[in-house]
Amino acid sequence: MKVLVVLTGELCFDGITNSVLNYYRAMDRSGMEIGIVSARGTNEEMRKNFEDIGCTVYPLENRDSCPAKYFVQLIGIIKRGKYDILHAHGNSATLAIETTAAYLAGCKVRIIHSRNSFCEHTKADKLLRPLMYATYTDGFSCGEKAGKWLFGNRPFTVLNNGKEIDRFLFKPEVRKSYREKLGVSADTILLGHVGLFHRQKNHPFLIDVFEEVCRHSGQYKLVLIGEGEDRGKIEEMVRQKGLTDKVIFLGRQSDVENWIQALDIMVFPSLFEGMPNVVLEWQLAGLPALISDVITKECGIMDTVSYLPLENGSAYWADQILHTPLNDRENTKEDIQKRFIEAGFDIKENAKVLKNKYIELLEKSK
């Protein structure tokens, strides 16, 4: 069985790429050949992670700059590799590029996997929906909200963003070590955010919220993990507000599971999301999370997640942060582990489900 996975974003340490990697790492890959297409850029460390588990990586990287060339190259990869299944991840009907290429290349199973509940290219999305619907065979989604966004009333299968549960559970020794790296005192409360510096993640609002927090207390610092096109703007905003000594920009980190151990409260005021991996990871680490109420309630496995309206403003969010108690993370680990397994977020089981689904769809296509 040959599966070609297309990541329509960058192959990097973002939530979608990590979710895909987790699935294939945990999967019994016997009898399988897996190819990974990177459509917008390739981080070499992440590329090696896929190659280490036997995947072939195709760094095309020209989906945006030259879609016609990308389309032709994709047809060639599918034909030469004789791939049985296309599994393309994205959040809009521009996935018609991948499904049409696979159709023309003779690939029988053409899966599109909805990863968000919104897209920014609304005109292209509307234009390409008929073609996407005509050329895909099966729909997957990270959650109900993301599935309804892309498929409407058409059927789709929800595949949970499974996790290596033990990897994220609270570890006091890691917390101590990483707080020392940050150079913060024991009584400093670290707010945290993990995500791409992009309009979707709403960093300007987050900085406004943190400014309000600092007006009421000098006990807090903000840690931002991630990279992106808007990082420079946010750094300048922090400078203008006089918060430089209170905001820590860590950039992209390959061991996010360790850095979040050092944090105390997570804040996530996104404008839109599908099924955010990071919110799941924060809950596994025992962290309280204040997130925008546009985010699906499906990601609230524990009662440590609070959904707040963005329209209530930065002062309201700051007040909620200031009144958020810190969790007893050591003594809640067993309950967290149990709840995540019961909710269906154990990656070992999720990977079995996906492989069985591939086998089922391939048999059905014959």
Protein backbone atom coordinates (compact mmCIF):
# COMPACT_ATOMS: atom_id res chain seq x y z
CA MET A 1 0.00 0.00 0.00
CA LYS A 2 1.51 3.30 -1.13
CA VAL A 3 0.31 6.54 0.49
CA LEU A 4 1.27 10.04 -0.66
CA VAL A 5 0.69 12.63 2.06
CA VAL A 6 0.53 16.27 0.92
CA LEU A 7 1.09 19.07 3.41
CA THR A 8 -0.19 22.20 1.67
CA GLY A 9 1.62 24.33 4.24
CA GLU A 10 5.25 24.27 5.28
CA LEU A 11 6.97 21.10 6.51
CA CYS A 12 8.00 22.50 9.89
CA PHE A 13 7.36 22.26 13.62
CA ASP A 14 3.75 23.44 13.38
CA GLY A 15 0.70 21.65 14.72
CA ILE A 16 -0.35 19.98 11.47
CA THR A 17 3.10 18.64 10.58
CA ASN A 18 3.64 17.36 14.11
CA SER A 19 0.24 15.67 14.06
CA VAL A 20 1.05 13.93 10.76
CA LEU A 21 4.47 12.85 12.04
CA ASN A 22 2.95 11.50 15.26
CA TYR A 23 0.51 9.35 13.29
CA TYR A 24 3.13 7.71 11.09
CA ARG A 25 5.62 7.28 13.93
CA ALA A 26 3.01 5.39 15.93
CA MET A 27 1.67 3.40 12.96
CA ASP A 28 2.60 -0.16 12.09
CA ARG A 29 4.14 0.74 8.74
CA SER A 30 4.75 -2.81 7.57
CA GLY A 31 3.47 -3.30 4.03
CA MET A 32 3.39 0.46 3.48
CA GLU A 33 5.37 3.05 1.54
CA ILE A 34 4.75 6.64 2.61
CA GLY A 35 5.67 9.75 0.64
CA ILE A 36 5.48 13.28 2.04
CA VAL A 37 5.04 16.31 -0.23
CA SER A 38 6.08 19.65 1.23
CA ALA A 39 4.30 22.36 -0.76
CA ARG A 40 5.55 25.58 0.85
CA GLY A 41 8.97 25.07 2.43
CA THR A 42 10.95 22.40 4.23
CA ASN A 43 12.59 22.52 7.63
CA GLU A 44 15.55 20.14 7.38
CA GLU A 45 15.24 18.86 10.95
CA MET A 46 11.59 17.99 10.38
CA ARG A 47 12.46 16.42 7.03
CA LYS A 48 14.93 14.15 8.82
CA ASN A 49 12.24 13.17 11.33
CA PHE A 50 10.12 11.80 8.47
CA GLU A 51 13.05 10.17 6.71
CA ASP A 52 14.10 8.47 9.95
CA ILE A 53 10.82 6.52 9.94
CA GLY A 54 11.23 5.52 6.30
CA CYS A 55 9.22 8.21 4.52
CA THR A 56 10.30 9.71 1.19
CA VAL A 57 10.11 13.51 1.28
CA TYR A 58 9.39 15.51 -1.88
CA PRO A 59 10.17 19.23 -1.25
CA LEU A 60 8.22 20.86 -4.11
CA GLU A 61 7.73 24.19 -2.28
CA ASN A 62 6.17 26.03 -5.25
CA ARG A 63 2.43 25.60 -4.68
CA ASP A 64 1.95 29.35 -4.21
CA SER A 65 4.62 30.79 -6.49
CA CYS A 66 4.00 28.53 -9.48
CA PRO A 67 0.88 26.36 -9.04
CA ALA A 68 0.92 25.08 -12.64
CA LYS A 69 4.45 23.71 -12.24
CA TYR A 70 3.54 22.27 -8.84
CA PHE A 71 0.48 20.58 -10.37
CA VAL A 72 2.53 18.92 -13.13
CA GLN A 73 5.23 17.84 -10.68
CA LEU A 74 2.62 16.32 -8.38
CA ILE A 75 1.11 14.29 -11.22
CA GLY A 76 4.60 13.01 -12.02
CA ILE A 77 5.31 11.97 -8.43
CA ILE A 78 2.02 10.08 -8.16
CA LYS A 79 2.51 8.32 -11.50
CA ARG A 80 6.16 7.39 -10.96
CA GLY A 81 5.57 6.28 -7.39
CA LYS A 82 2.39 4.39 -8.34
CA TYR A 83 0.70 5.73 -5.23
CA ASP A 84 -2.59 4.08 -4.26
CA ILE A 85 -3.79 6.77 -1.87
CA LEU A 86 -3.54 10.56 -1.78
CA HIS A 87 -3.97 12.08 1.69
CA ALA A 88 -3.90 15.89 1.37
CA HIS A 89 -4.10 18.21 4.39
CA GLY A 90 -5.48 21.74 4.09
CA ASN A 91 -8.35 24.07 4.92
CA SER A 92 -9.87 25.19 1.63
CA ALA A 93 -11.05 24.06 -1.79
CA THR A 94 -7.60 24.82 -3.20
CA LEU A 95 -7.14 21.15 -2.28
CA ALA A 96 -8.73 20.63 -5.70
CA ILE A 97 -5.19 21.09 -7.03
CA GLU A 98 -4.11 17.91 -5.25
CA THR A 99 -7.26 15.88 -5.89
CA THR A 100 -7.33 16.75 -9.60
CA ALA A 101 -3.64 15.89 -9.98
CA ALA A 102 -4.26 12.56 -8.27
CA TYR A 103 -7.33 11.89 -10.43
CA LEU A 104 -5.36 12.55 -13.63
CA ALA A 105 -2.50 10.38 -12.36
CA GLY A 106 -4.86 7.44 -11.81
CA CYS A 107 -4.84 7.44 -8.00
CA LYS A 108 -8.04 5.71 -6.88
CA VAL A 109 -8.34 6.92 -3.27
CA ARG A 110 -8.19 10.71 -2.92
CA ILE A 111 -8.58 11.89 0.68
CA ILE A 112 -8.80 15.51 1.73
CA HIS A 113 -8.25 16.25 5.41
CA SER A 114 -9.79 19.46 6.76
CA ARG A 115 -7.46 21.17 9.23
CA ASN A 116 -9.25 24.42 10.02
CA SER A 117 -12.65 26.10 10.17
CA PHE A 118 -11.76 29.11 8.03
CA CYS A 119 -9.63 30.11 5.06
CA GLU A 120 -8.23 33.44 3.95
CA HIS A 121 -8.52 32.87 0.19
CA THR A 122 -12.31 32.98 0.10
CA LYS A 123 -12.68 33.75 -3.62
CA ALA A 124 -10.45 30.85 -4.68
CA ASP A 125 -12.22 28.61 -2.17
CA LYS A 126 -15.66 29.43 -3.58
CA LEU A 127 -14.46 29.03 -7.17
CA LEU A 128 -12.78 25.67 -6.63
CA ARG A 129 -15.38 23.96 -4.42
CA PRO A 130 -17.21 22.26 -7.34
CA LEU A 131 -13.95 20.86 -8.70
CA MET A 132 -12.82 19.68 -5.26
CA TYR A 133 -16.15 17.97 -4.61
CA ALA A 134 -15.98 16.29 -8.03
CA THR A 135 -12.45 14.92 -7.61
CA TYR A 136 -12.10 13.81 -3.99
CA THR A 137 -13.32 10.40 -2.86
CA ASP A 138 -13.21 10.61 0.94
CA GLY A 139 -13.20 13.32 3.60
CA PHE A 140 -11.28 13.39 6.86
CA SER A 141 -11.28 16.11 9.50
CA CYS A 142 -9.51 16.99 12.74
CA GLY A 143 -12.88 17.76 14.33
CA GLU A 144 -16.58 18.32 13.66
CA LYS A 145 -16.29 22.08 13.19
CA ALA A 146 -13.45 21.80 10.65
CA GLY A 147 -15.32 19.01 8.86
CA LYS A 148 -18.53 21.01 8.54
CA TRP A 149 -16.52 23.94 7.19
CA LEU A 150 -15.04 22.02 4.26
CA PHE A 151 -17.61 19.28 3.60
CA GLY A 152 -20.92 20.80 4.65
CA ASN A 153 -23.50 18.01 4.80
CA ARG A 154 -21.28 15.54 2.97
CA PRO A 155 -19.94 12.61 5.03
CA PHE A 156 -16.51 12.80 6.63
CA THR A 157 -14.47 10.87 9.20
CA VAL A 158 -13.09 12.63 12.27
CA LEU A 159 -9.52 11.61 13.08
CA ASN A 160 -8.49 12.93 16.47
CA ASN A 161 -5.16 14.75 16.78
CA GLY A 162 -3.75 11.92 18.87
CA LYS A 163 -0.89 12.47 21.28
CA GLU A 164 1.98 10.56 22.85
CA ILE A 165 0.35 11.10 26.21
CA ASP A 166 3.35 10.34 28.46
CA ARG A 167 5.51 12.80 26.52
CA PHE A 168 3.44 15.80 27.64
CA LEU A 169 2.48 14.87 31.21
CA PHE A 170 3.89 17.10 33.95
CA LYS A 171 7.53 16.48 34.90
CA PRO A 172 8.75 18.60 37.85
CA GLU A 173 12.43 18.04 37.06
CA VAL A 174 11.93 19.32 33.50
CA ARG A 175 10.00 22.33 34.81
CA LYS A 176 12.88 23.21 37.16
CA SER A 177 15.50 22.84 34.41
CA TYR A 178 13.66 24.92 31.82
CA ARG A 179 12.73 27.69 34.24
CA GLU A 180 16.44 27.92 35.04
CA LYS A 181 17.12 28.31 31.30
CA LEU A 182 14.64 31.18 31.25
CA GLY A 183 16.28 32.74 34.29
CA VAL A 184 13.03 33.37 36.16
CA SER A 185 12.42 33.29 39.89
CA ALA A 186 10.25 30.69 41.59
CA ASP A 187 7.45 33.19 42.21
CA THR A 188 7.30 34.48 38.61
CA ILE A 189 4.09 33.44 36.86
CA LEU A 190 4.79 32.61 33.23
CA LEU A 191 2.02 33.13 30.71
CA GLY A 192 2.59 31.25 27.47
CA HIS A 193 1.56 31.06 23.84
CA VAL A 194 2.69 28.59 21.18
CA GLY A 195 1.94 29.35 17.55
CA LEU A 196 2.87 30.90 14.26
CA PHE A 197 3.20 34.69 14.19
CA HIS A 198 0.28 35.13 11.82
CA ARG A 199 -2.98 37.07 11.81
CA GLN A 200 -4.91 33.93 12.78
CA LYS A 201 -3.18 33.72 16.17
CA ASN A 202 -4.10 37.30 17.14
CA HIS A 203 -0.80 38.26 18.79
CA PRO A 204 -1.60 42.03 18.91
CA PHE A 205 -4.60 41.28 21.13
CA LEU A 206 -2.44 38.99 23.28
CA ILE A 207 0.10 41.78 23.82
CA ASP A 208 -2.70 44.20 24.74
CA VAL A 209 -3.97 41.65 27.26
CA PHE A 210 -0.51 41.21 28.74
CA GLU A 211 -0.08 44.98 29.03
CA GLU A 212 -3.29 45.07 31.10
CA VAL A 213 -2.01 42.23 33.29
CA CYS A 214 1.23 44.14 33.95
CA ARG A 215 -0.74 47.22 35.03
CA HIS A 216 -2.12 45.19 37.94
CA SER A 217 0.80 42.93 38.83
CA GLY A 218 4.56 42.76 38.38
CA GLN A 219 4.60 39.01 38.95
CA TYR A 220 3.95 37.95 35.35
CA LYS A 221 6.07 37.39 32.25
CA LEU A 222 4.96 36.25 28.78
CA VAL A 223 6.73 33.52 26.80
CA LEU A 224 6.09 33.34 23.05
CA ILE A 225 7.12 30.19 21.18
CA GLY A 226 7.05 30.19 17.39
CA GLU A 227 8.15 32.00 14.25
CA GLY A 228 6.30 33.65 11.39
CA GLU A 229 5.93 36.64 9.14
CA ASP A 230 4.47 38.90 11.85
CA ARG A 231 7.14 38.33 14.50
CA GLY A 232 8.94 41.61 13.74
CA LYS A 233 5.71 43.60 14.09
CA ILE A 234 4.99 41.99 17.46
CA GLU A 235 8.53 42.62 18.70
CA GLU A 236 8.13 46.30 17.77
CA MET A 237 4.75 46.44 19.50
CA VAL A 238 6.34 45.01 22.66
CA ARG A 239 9.11 47.64 22.50
CA GLN A 240 6.65 50.50 22.05
CA LYS A 241 4.66 49.37 25.08
CA GLY A 242 7.80 49.15 27.24
CA LEU A 243 7.39 45.43 27.84
CA THR A 244 10.72 44.22 26.43
CA ASP A 245 12.00 42.94 29.78
CA LYS A 246 8.74 41.06 30.39
CA VAL A 247 8.19 39.29 27.05
CA ILE A 248 10.44 36.39 26.05
CA PHE A 249 10.60 35.44 22.36
CA LEU A 250 11.87 31.86 22.14
CA GLY A 251 11.40 31.39 18.40
CA ARG A 252 10.77 27.94 16.96
CA GLN A 253 11.57 25.09 19.35
CA SER A 254 11.77 21.38 18.56
CA ASP A 255 11.15 20.40 22.21
CA VAL A 256 7.99 22.38 22.93
CA GLU A 257 6.81 19.60 25.26
CA ASN A 258 9.68 20.56 27.61
CA TRP A 259 9.28 24.34 27.38
CA ILE A 260 5.60 24.23 28.31
CA GLN A 261 6.53 22.42 31.54
CA ALA A 262 8.12 25.71 32.67
CA LEU A 263 4.93 27.72 32.08
CA ASP A 264 1.95 28.37 34.35
CA ILE A 265 -1.00 29.68 32.32
CA MET A 266 -1.57 29.50 28.56
CA VAL A 267 -3.39 32.18 26.56
CA PHE A 268 -4.72 31.53 23.04
CA PRO A 269 -6.91 34.30 21.57
CA SER A 270 -7.06 32.93 18.00
CA LEU A 271 -9.45 34.42 15.46
CA PHE A 272 -10.15 30.95 14.02
CA GLU A 273 -8.90 27.38 14.49
CA GLY A 274 -9.68 23.82 13.50
CA MET A 275 -8.64 21.49 16.32
CA PRO A 276 -5.60 23.18 17.88
CA ASN A 277 -2.95 20.64 18.86
CA VAL A 278 -1.32 22.97 21.34
CA VAL A 279 -4.45 23.27 23.48
CA LEU A 280 -4.49 19.48 23.83
CA GLU A 281 -0.80 19.47 24.75
CA TRP A 282 -1.27 22.17 27.40
CA GLN A 283 -4.03 20.17 29.05
CA LEU A 284 -1.84 17.07 29.09
CA ALA A 285 0.82 19.14 30.88
CA GLY A 286 -1.77 20.17 33.47
CA LEU A 287 -1.83 23.82 32.41
CA PRO A 288 -4.88 26.08 32.63
CA ALA A 289 -5.68 27.56 29.22
CA LEU A 290 -7.70 30.67 28.39
CA ILE A 291 -8.77 30.44 24.75
CA SER A 292 -11.13 32.33 22.44
CA ASP A 293 -14.69 31.07 22.25
CA VAL A 294 -14.51 30.71 18.46
CA ILE A 295 -12.44 27.55 19.03
CA THR A 296 -14.28 24.24 18.99
CA LYS A 297 -15.41 22.88 22.36
CA GLU A 298 -14.10 19.49 21.19
CA CYS A 299 -10.59 20.42 22.33
CA GLY A 300 -11.68 20.96 25.94
CA ILE A 301 -10.91 17.52 27.37
CA MET A 302 -10.23 18.82 30.88
CA ASP A 303 -12.10 21.48 32.86
CA THR A 304 -8.92 23.60 32.92
CA VAL A 305 -9.89 25.19 29.58
CA SER A 306 -11.80 28.49 29.71
CA TYR A 307 -13.50 29.86 26.57
CA LEU A 308 -13.53 33.66 26.50
CA PRO A 309 -15.21 36.04 24.01
CA LEU A 310 -12.75 38.22 22.11
CA GLU A 311 -15.32 41.02 21.96
CA ASN A 312 -15.12 41.38 25.75
CA GLY A 313 -11.77 43.07 25.23
CA SER A 314 -8.27 42.96 26.65
CA ALA A 315 -9.16 44.25 30.14
CA TYR A 316 -11.65 41.40 30.59
CA TRP A 317 -9.12 38.80 29.45
CA ALA A 318 -6.49 40.27 31.78
CA ASP A 319 -8.90 40.07 34.71
CA GLN A 320 -9.60 36.41 33.92
CA ILE A 321 -5.86 35.68 33.85
CA LEU A 322 -5.29 37.46 37.18
CA HIS A 323 -8.03 35.33 38.75
CA THR A 324 -6.89 32.00 37.26
CA PRO A 325 -5.51 29.70 39.98
CA LEU A 326 -2.38 27.66 39.25
CA ASN A 327 -3.04 23.94 38.94
CA ASP A 328 -1.69 21.16 41.15
CA ARG A 329 -0.06 19.52 38.14
CA GLU A 330 1.73 16.70 39.94
CA ASN A 331 -1.40 15.25 41.54
CA THR A 332 -3.64 15.46 38.47
CA LYS A 333 -1.45 13.46 36.05
CA GLU A 334 -3.26 10.15 36.44
CA ASP A 335 -6.68 11.72 35.92
CA ILE A 336 -5.44 13.62 32.85
CA GLN A 337 -4.00 10.46 31.31
CA LYS A 338 -7.23 8.55 31.93
CA ARG A 339 -9.45 11.30 30.50
CA PHE A 340 -7.39 11.65 27.31
CA ILE A 341 -7.42 7.90 26.65
CA GLU A 342 -11.18 7.76 27.25
CA ALA A 343 -11.69 10.73 24.90
CA GLY A 344 -9.85 8.89 22.10
CA PHE A 345 -6.62 10.89 21.94
CA ASP A 346 -4.09 8.07 22.40
CA ILE A 347 -1.94 8.21 19.25
CA LYS A 348 -1.25 4.46 19.28
CA GLU A 349 -4.95 3.71 18.91
CA ASN A 350 -5.51 6.61 16.50
CA ALA A 351 -2.74 5.30 14.21
CA LYS A 352 -4.40 1.86 14.09
CA VAL A 353 -7.68 3.51 13.10
CA LEU A 354 -6.02 5.43 10.26
CA LYS A 355 -4.21 2.42 8.83
CA ASN A 356 -7.39 0.34 8.95
CA LYS A 357 -9.23 3.18 7.20
CA TYR A 358 -6.61 3.22 4.43
CA ILE A 359 -7.03 -0.53 3.95
CA GLU A 360 -10.83 -0.22 3.92
CA LEU A 361 -10.85 2.61 1.37
CA LEU A 362 -8.34 0.86 -0.87
CA GLU A 363 -10.39 -2.33 -0.88
CA LYS A 364 -13.54 -0.35 -1.65
CA SER A 365 -11.86 1.34 -4.63
CA LYS A 366 -11.01 -1.93 -6.40
